[in-house]
Amino acid sequence: MNERQKAYLQSYREDFIKLFPHLSAFANKYFVEHFNQFKNVVDSWDEEPIPDGCSLESFEIYYGTANIPQICVVNGVLKQYELPEVEENNSSITMISEGDFVYIEIEGKEFINKIRGVILPQVITNPSVLLNNIINGDLS
């Protein structure tokens, strides 16, 4: 890691600790492993929560450090469902809706929850997508 990258990491660590000074030891312990989640907390902190009663028709859920969503719902239709096989809770959970981070949990601690009063859709599954996931062993 070069000096520029170290400074970038340090800047986000300092910003996170300003938001959560009581969690500085937590941030120091997990910061590199969960850098993207910590960065997303800092970058999304000032965004308004979704209004209570608002319907959330499209969202993506990421577990751990996955680069693609394990769950993806678009206009109330389940498009992706691939839960990782793990024996314990995932180290992080991130939910994105409309390009905004609406829920972030790291190592069991909830940092952003902008979906408290949101109405989640009744998810309609596309039988061909569901069958394809089953055949390929992607459905947990």
C-alpha atoms as a PDB file:
ATOM      1  CA  MET A   1       0.000   0.000   0.000  1.00  0.00           C
ATOM      2  CA  ASN A   2       1.456   3.346  -1.007  1.00  0.00           C
ATOM      3  CA  GLU A   3       1.361   6.560   1.040  1.00  0.00           C
ATOM      4  CA  ARG A   4      -1.578   7.982  -0.902  1.00  0.00           C
ATOM      5  CA  GLN A   5      -3.673   4.875  -0.193  1.00  0.00           C
ATOM      6  CA  LYS A   6      -2.712   4.966   3.497  1.00  0.00           C
ATOM      7  CA  ALA A   7      -3.757   8.632   3.717  1.00  0.00           C
ATOM      8  CA  TYR A   8      -7.083   7.811   2.021  1.00  0.00           C
ATOM      9  CA  LEU A   9      -7.746   5.017   4.529  1.00  0.00           C
ATOM     10  CA  GLN A  10      -6.715   7.209   7.460  1.00  0.00           C
ATOM     11  CA  SER A  11      -9.007  10.032   6.328  1.00  0.00           C
ATOM     12  CA  TYR A  12     -12.052   7.730   6.297  1.00  0.00           C
ATOM     13  CA  ARG A  13     -11.060   6.155   9.620  1.00  0.00           C
ATOM     14  CA  GLU A  14     -10.894   9.633  11.194  1.00  0.00           C
ATOM     15  CA  ASP A  15     -14.257  10.618   9.677  1.00  0.00           C
ATOM     16  CA  PHE A  16     -15.840   7.424  10.991  1.00  0.00           C
ATOM     17  CA  ILE A  17     -14.432   7.970  14.482  1.00  0.00           C
ATOM     18  CA  LYS A  18     -15.853  11.524  14.463  1.00  0.00           C
ATOM     19  CA  LEU A  19     -19.305  10.031  13.831  1.00  0.00           C
ATOM     20  CA  PHE A  20     -18.846   7.229  16.373  1.00  0.00           C
ATOM     21  CA  PRO A  21     -16.119   8.270  18.849  1.00  0.00           C
ATOM     22  CA  HIS A  22     -17.137   5.528  21.282  1.00  0.00           C
ATOM     23  CA  LEU A  23     -16.361   2.908  18.595  1.00  0.00           C
ATOM     24  CA  SER A  24     -12.783   3.880  17.803  1.00  0.00           C
ATOM     25  CA  ALA A  25     -11.413   0.514  18.992  1.00  0.00           C
ATOM     26  CA  PHE A  26     -14.050  -1.263  16.884  1.00  0.00           C
ATOM     27  CA  ALA A  27     -13.103   0.824  13.830  1.00  0.00           C
ATOM     28  CA  ASN A  28      -9.396   0.188  14.343  1.00  0.00           C
ATOM     29  CA  LYS A  29      -9.994  -3.562  14.617  1.00  0.00           C
ATOM     30  CA  TYR A  30     -12.213  -3.976  11.544  1.00  0.00           C
ATOM     31  CA  PHE A  31     -11.431  -0.970   9.349  1.00  0.00           C
ATOM     32  CA  VAL A  32      -9.279  -2.576   6.675  1.00  0.00           C
ATOM     33  CA  GLU A  33     -11.388  -5.746   6.446  1.00  0.00           C
ATOM     34  CA  HIS A  34     -14.629  -3.745   6.047  1.00  0.00           C
ATOM     35  CA  PHE A  35     -13.267  -0.588   4.467  1.00  0.00           C
ATOM     36  CA  ASN A  36     -16.014  -0.311   1.831  1.00  0.00           C
ATOM     37  CA  GLN A  37     -18.767  -0.621   4.434  1.00  0.00           C
ATOM     38  CA  PHE A  38     -17.115   1.967   6.728  1.00  0.00           C
ATOM     39  CA  LYS A  39     -16.642   4.304   3.742  1.00  0.00           C
ATOM     40  CA  ASN A  40     -20.300   3.883   2.776  1.00  0.00           C
ATOM     41  CA  VAL A  41     -21.381   4.706   6.349  1.00  0.00           C
ATOM     42  CA  VAL A  42     -19.376   7.942   6.263  1.00  0.00           C
ATOM     43  CA  ASP A  43     -20.518   8.892   2.754  1.00  0.00           C
ATOM     44  CA  SER A  44     -24.210   8.128   3.463  1.00  0.00           C
ATOM     45  CA  TRP A  45     -24.496   9.417   7.001  1.00  0.00           C
ATOM     46  CA  ASP A  46     -26.153  12.755   6.150  1.00  0.00           C
ATOM     47  CA  GLU A  47     -28.669  11.353   3.663  1.00  0.00           C
ATOM     48  CA  GLU A  48     -32.309  11.499   4.732  1.00  0.00           C
ATOM     49  CA  PRO A  49     -34.069   8.278   5.779  1.00  0.00           C
ATOM     50  CA  ILE A  50     -36.798   6.882   3.578  1.00  0.00           C
ATOM     51  CA  PRO A  51     -40.143   8.289   4.821  1.00  0.00           C
ATOM     52  CA  ASP A  52     -42.321   5.991   6.935  1.00  0.00           C
ATOM     53  CA  GLY A  53     -44.953   4.202   4.891  1.00  0.00           C
ATOM     54  CA  CYS A  54     -42.972   4.557   1.659  1.00  0.00           C
ATOM     55  CA  SER A  55     -42.973   1.435  -0.489  1.00  0.00           C
ATOM     56  CA  LEU A  56     -39.560   0.068  -1.416  1.00  0.00           C
ATOM     57  CA  GLU A  57     -40.024  -1.756  -4.720  1.00  0.00           C
ATOM     58  CA  SER A  58     -36.369  -2.242  -5.741  1.00  0.00           C
ATOM     59  CA  PHE A  59     -33.355  -3.088  -3.607  1.00  0.00           C
ATOM     60  CA  GLU A  60     -30.163  -5.133  -3.437  1.00  0.00           C
ATOM     61  CA  ILE A  61     -28.701  -6.914  -0.418  1.00  0.00           C
ATOM     62  CA  TYR A  62     -25.010  -7.763  -0.139  1.00  0.00           C
ATOM     63  CA  TYR A  63     -23.525 -10.061   2.497  1.00  0.00           C
ATOM     64  CA  GLY A  64     -19.893  -9.793   3.566  1.00  0.00           C
ATOM     65  CA  THR A  65     -17.561  -8.451   0.922  1.00  0.00           C
ATOM     66  CA  ALA A  66     -19.572  -9.676  -2.083  1.00  0.00           C
ATOM     67  CA  ASN A  67     -19.286  -7.594  -5.247  1.00  0.00           C
ATOM     68  CA  ILE A  68     -22.672  -8.683  -6.599  1.00  0.00           C
ATOM     69  CA  PRO A  69     -25.942  -8.714  -4.665  1.00  0.00           C
ATOM     70  CA  GLN A  70     -27.071 -11.989  -3.133  1.00  0.00           C
ATOM     71  CA  ILE A  71     -30.668 -10.736  -3.164  1.00  0.00           C
ATOM     72  CA  CYS A  72     -31.994  -8.393  -5.832  1.00  0.00           C
ATOM     73  CA  VAL A  73     -35.615  -7.262  -6.142  1.00  0.00           C
ATOM     74  CA  VAL A  74     -36.597  -4.995  -9.052  1.00  0.00           C
ATOM     75  CA  ASN A  75     -40.106  -3.552  -9.189  1.00  0.00           C
ATOM     76  CA  GLY A  76     -41.249  -6.185  -6.710  1.00  0.00           C
ATOM     77  CA  VAL A  77     -39.845  -9.097  -8.744  1.00  0.00           C
ATOM     78  CA  LEU A  78     -37.126 -11.329  -7.305  1.00  0.00           C
ATOM     79  CA  LYS A  79     -34.278 -11.203  -9.845  1.00  0.00           C
ATOM     80  CA  GLN A  80     -31.405 -12.686  -7.832  1.00  0.00           C
ATOM     81  CA  TYR A  81     -31.286 -14.954  -4.799  1.00  0.00           C
ATOM     82  CA  GLU A  82     -27.956 -16.454  -3.759  1.00  0.00           C
ATOM     83  CA  LEU A  83     -27.404 -16.703  -0.055  1.00  0.00           C
ATOM     84  CA  PRO A  84     -23.909 -17.801   0.925  1.00  0.00           C
ATOM     85  CA  GLU A  85     -23.582 -20.997   2.916  1.00  0.00           C
ATOM     86  CA  VAL A  86     -22.271 -19.939   6.304  1.00  0.00           C
ATOM     87  CA  GLU A  87     -22.554 -21.432   9.756  1.00  0.00           C
ATOM     88  CA  GLU A  88     -22.584 -18.071  11.509  1.00  0.00           C
ATOM     89  CA  ASN A  89     -23.829 -14.560  10.837  1.00  0.00           C
ATOM     90  CA  ASN A  90     -22.230 -12.642   8.006  1.00  0.00           C
ATOM     91  CA  SER A  91     -19.626 -10.090   8.991  1.00  0.00           C
ATOM     92  CA  SER A  92     -21.560  -7.334   7.223  1.00  0.00           C
ATOM     93  CA  ILE A  93     -24.887  -6.693   5.545  1.00  0.00           C
ATOM     94  CA  THR A  94     -25.479  -3.840   3.117  1.00  0.00           C
ATOM     95  CA  MET A  95     -28.788  -2.882   1.527  1.00  0.00           C
ATOM     96  CA  ILE A  96     -28.981  -0.455  -1.395  1.00  0.00           C
ATOM     97  CA  SER A  97     -32.140   1.060  -2.839  1.00  0.00           C
ATOM     98  CA  GLU A  98     -32.262   3.523  -5.724  1.00  0.00           C
ATOM     99  CA  GLY A  99     -28.456   3.804  -5.533  1.00  0.00           C
ATOM    100  CA  ASP A 100     -28.509   4.858  -1.864  1.00  0.00           C
ATOM    101  CA  PHE A 101     -27.163   2.900   1.077  1.00  0.00           C
ATOM    102  CA  VAL A 102     -30.215   2.376   3.291  1.00  0.00           C
ATOM    103  CA  TYR A 103     -28.923  -0.263   5.721  1.00  0.00           C
ATOM    104  CA  ILE A 104     -25.384  -1.122   6.825  1.00  0.00           C
ATOM    105  CA  GLU A 105     -24.451  -3.525   9.590  1.00  0.00           C
ATOM    106  CA  ILE A 106     -20.824  -4.398  10.395  1.00  0.00           C
ATOM    107  CA  GLU A 107     -19.877  -7.224  12.759  1.00  0.00           C
ATOM    108  CA  GLY A 108     -23.368  -7.192  14.283  1.00  0.00           C
ATOM    109  CA  LYS A 109     -23.496  -3.415  14.852  1.00  0.00           C
ATOM    110  CA  GLU A 110     -26.126  -1.445  12.943  1.00  0.00           C
ATOM    111  CA  PHE A 111     -24.719   1.849  11.614  1.00  0.00           C
ATOM    112  CA  ILE A 112     -27.280   2.958   9.061  1.00  0.00           C
ATOM    113  CA  ASN A 113     -30.947   2.024   9.085  1.00  0.00           C
ATOM    114  CA  LYS A 114     -32.953   4.305   6.825  1.00  0.00           C
ATOM    115  CA  ILE A 115     -35.696   1.709   6.237  1.00  0.00           C
ATOM    116  CA  ARG A 116     -37.398   1.551   9.656  1.00  0.00           C
ATOM    117  CA  GLY A 117     -40.902   2.511   8.504  1.00  0.00           C
ATOM    118  CA  VAL A 118     -40.587   1.304   4.921  1.00  0.00           C
ATOM    119  CA  ILE A 119     -43.062  -1.121   3.396  1.00  0.00           C
ATOM    120  CA  LEU A 120     -41.232  -3.928   1.628  1.00  0.00           C
ATOM    121  CA  PRO A 121     -42.902  -5.356  -1.478  1.00  0.00           C
ATOM    122  CA  GLN A 122     -44.661  -8.651  -1.728  1.00  0.00           C
ATOM    123  CA  VAL A 123     -41.948 -10.251  -3.811  1.00  0.00           C
ATOM    124  CA  ILE A 124     -43.042 -12.001  -6.970  1.00  0.00           C
ATOM    125  CA  THR A 125     -40.695 -14.744  -8.003  1.00  0.00           C
ATOM    126  CA  ASN A 126     -39.962 -15.377 -11.635  1.00  0.00           C
ATOM    127  CA  PRO A 127     -40.285 -19.185 -11.941  1.00  0.00           C
ATOM    128  CA  SER A 128     -37.599 -19.448 -14.644  1.00  0.00           C
ATOM    129  CA  VAL A 129     -35.073 -17.464 -12.552  1.00  0.00           C
ATOM    130  CA  LEU A 130     -35.937 -19.498  -9.449  1.00  0.00           C
ATOM    131  CA  LEU A 131     -35.644 -22.782 -11.368  1.00  0.00           C
ATOM    132  CA  ASN A 132     -32.331 -21.710 -12.908  1.00  0.00           C
ATOM    133  CA  ASN A 133     -30.968 -20.895  -9.438  1.00  0.00           C
ATOM    134  CA  ILE A 134     -32.094 -24.288  -8.139  1.00  0.00           C
ATOM    135  CA  ILE A 135     -30.572 -26.156 -11.092  1.00  0.00           C
ATOM    136  CA  ASN A 136     -27.276 -24.290 -10.732  1.00  0.00           C
ATOM    137  CA  GLY A 137     -27.233 -24.819  -6.981  1.00  0.00           C
ATOM    138  CA  ASP A 138     -27.382 -21.061  -6.311  1.00  0.00           C
ATOM    139  CA  LEU A 139     -30.554 -21.148  -4.229  1.00  0.00           C
ATOM    140  CA  SER A 140     -30.055 -21.550  -0.519  1.00  0.00           C
END
